[in-house]
C-alpha atoms as a PDB file:
ATOM      1  CA  UNK A   1     -68.755 -24.271 -73.005  1.00  0.00           C
ATOM      2  CA  UNK A   2     -69.905 -27.544 -71.707  1.00  0.00           C
ATOM      3  CA  UNK A   3     -66.098 -28.129 -70.510  1.00  0.00           C
ATOM      4  CA  UNK A   4     -66.497 -24.759 -68.403  1.00  0.00           C
ATOM      5  CA  UNK A   5     -69.660 -25.923 -66.778  1.00  0.00           C
ATOM      6  CA  UNK A   6     -67.989 -29.409 -65.834  1.00  0.00           C
ATOM      7  CA  UNK A   7     -65.124 -27.588 -64.124  1.00  0.00           C
ATOM      8  CA  UNK A   8     -67.722 -25.055 -62.545  1.00  0.00           C
ATOM      9  CA  UNK A   9     -69.872 -27.936 -61.372  1.00  0.00           C
ATOM     10  CA  UNK A  10     -66.846 -29.875 -60.099  1.00  0.00           C
ATOM     11  CA  UNK A  11     -65.362 -26.838 -57.899  1.00  0.00           C
ATOM     12  CA  UNK A  12     -69.138 -26.155 -56.669  1.00  0.00           C
ATOM     13  CA  UNK A  13     -69.284 -29.839 -55.521  1.00  0.00           C
ATOM     14  CA  UNK A  14     -65.619 -29.885 -54.053  1.00  0.00           C
ATOM     15  CA  UNK A  15     -66.681 -26.513 -52.189  1.00  0.00           C
ATOM     16  CA  UNK A  16     -69.817 -28.113 -50.663  1.00  0.00           C
ATOM     17  CA  UNK A  17     -67.952 -31.402 -49.605  1.00  0.00           C
ATOM     18  CA  UNK A  18     -65.381 -29.187 -47.614  1.00  0.00           C
ATOM     19  CA  UNK A  19     -68.371 -27.174 -46.010  1.00  0.00           C
ATOM     20  CA  UNK A  20     -70.074 -30.753 -45.320  1.00  0.00           C
ATOM     21  CA  UNK A  21     -66.456 -31.955 -43.854  1.00  0.00           C
ATOM     22  CA  UNK A  22     -66.468 -28.528 -41.822  1.00  0.00           C
ATOM     23  CA  UNK A  23     -69.996 -28.819 -40.287  1.00  0.00           C
ATOM     24  CA  UNK A  24     -69.170 -32.387 -39.400  1.00  0.00           C
ATOM     25  CA  UNK A  25     -66.194 -31.159 -37.427  1.00  0.00           C
ATOM     26  CA  UNK A  26     -68.393 -28.340 -35.912  1.00  0.00           C
ATOM     27  CA  UNK A  27     -71.321 -30.771 -34.799  1.00  0.00           C
ATOM     28  CA  UNK A  28     -69.354 -33.786 -33.773  1.00  0.00           C
ATOM     29  CA  UNK A  29     -66.749 -32.392 -31.734  1.00  0.00           C
ATOM     30  CA  UNK A  30     -68.454 -29.846 -29.807  1.00  0.00           C
ATOM     31  CA  UNK A  31     -71.584 -30.080 -27.679  1.00  0.00           C
ATOM     32  CA  UNK A  32     -74.709 -29.361 -29.392  1.00  0.00           C
ATOM     33  CA  UNK A  33     -78.627 -29.350 -28.688  1.00  0.00           C
ATOM     34  CA  UNK A  34     -79.382 -30.701 -31.817  1.00  0.00           C
ATOM     35  CA  UNK A  35     -80.285 -34.406 -31.996  1.00  0.00           C
ATOM     36  CA  UNK A  36     -77.943 -36.897 -33.946  1.00  0.00           C
ATOM     37  CA  UNK A  37     -79.907 -37.199 -36.739  1.00  0.00           C
ATOM     38  CA  UNK A  38     -80.556 -33.628 -37.544  1.00  0.00           C
ATOM     39  CA  UNK A  39     -76.839 -32.871 -37.394  1.00  0.00           C
ATOM     40  CA  UNK A  40     -76.378 -35.382 -39.884  1.00  0.00           C
ATOM     41  CA  UNK A  41     -79.207 -33.984 -41.891  1.00  0.00           C
ATOM     42  CA  UNK A  42     -77.067 -30.835 -41.574  1.00  0.00           C
ATOM     43  CA  UNK A  43     -73.959 -32.201 -42.288  1.00  0.00           C
ATOM     44  CA  UNK A  44     -75.152 -33.794 -45.595  1.00  0.00           C
ATOM     45  CA  UNK A  45     -77.063 -30.838 -46.675  1.00  0.00           C
ATOM     46  CA  UNK A  46     -74.302 -28.918 -48.718  1.00  0.00           C
ATOM     47  CA  UNK A  47     -72.631 -31.946 -50.191  1.00  0.00           C
ATOM     48  CA  UNK A  48     -76.035 -32.859 -51.381  1.00  0.00           C
ATOM     49  CA  UNK A  49     -76.820 -29.460 -52.852  1.00  0.00           C
ATOM     50  CA  UNK A  50     -73.504 -29.288 -54.685  1.00  0.00           C
ATOM     51  CA  UNK A  51     -73.854 -32.939 -56.020  1.00  0.00           C
ATOM     52  CA  UNK A  52     -77.486 -32.058 -57.685  1.00  0.00           C
ATOM     53  CA  UNK A  53     -76.119 -29.230 -59.387  1.00  0.00           C
ATOM     54  CA  UNK A  54     -73.281 -31.168 -60.633  1.00  0.00           C
ATOM     55  CA  UNK A  55     -75.492 -33.985 -61.457  1.00  0.00           C
ATOM     56  CA  UNK A  56     -77.802 -31.508 -63.342  1.00  0.00           C
ATOM     57  CA  UNK A  57     -74.856 -30.135 -65.318  1.00  0.00           C
ATOM     58  CA  UNK A  58     -72.896 -33.080 -65.685  1.00  0.00           C
ATOM     59  CA  UNK A  59     -74.827 -36.056 -65.594  1.00  0.00           C
ATOM     60  CA  UNK A  60     -72.244 -37.208 -63.126  1.00  0.00           C
ATOM     61  CA  UNK A  61     -73.942 -39.434 -60.439  1.00  0.00           C
ATOM     62  CA  UNK A  62     -71.031 -39.981 -58.049  1.00  0.00           C
ATOM     63  CA  UNK A  63     -71.530 -38.717 -54.751  1.00  0.00           C
ATOM     64  CA  UNK A  64     -68.612 -38.084 -53.340  1.00  0.00           C
ATOM     65  CA  UNK A  65     -66.190 -35.441 -55.615  1.00  0.00           C
ATOM     66  CA  UNK A  66     -63.368 -37.569 -55.878  1.00  0.00           C
END
C-alpha cells in the first residue's frame, strides 16, 4: 500500500508542477492586472500544495518533482 501512496503522491506532485508551469506561462506572457509578487504566489501555489501532500505521504522533501 505504501508503494501505491508514493506513486500517487508523485503523480499529484507532477500534476501540480505542470499546473504551475501553465500558470507561469499565462501570467508572464499575457498582460495581467495582478502585481508581480501576487503572480509569483499564484504560480507557486499548486506546486507547493502538491509538494506538501507528497511530503506528508512519503517524507520526500524535494520541492521539484524530478
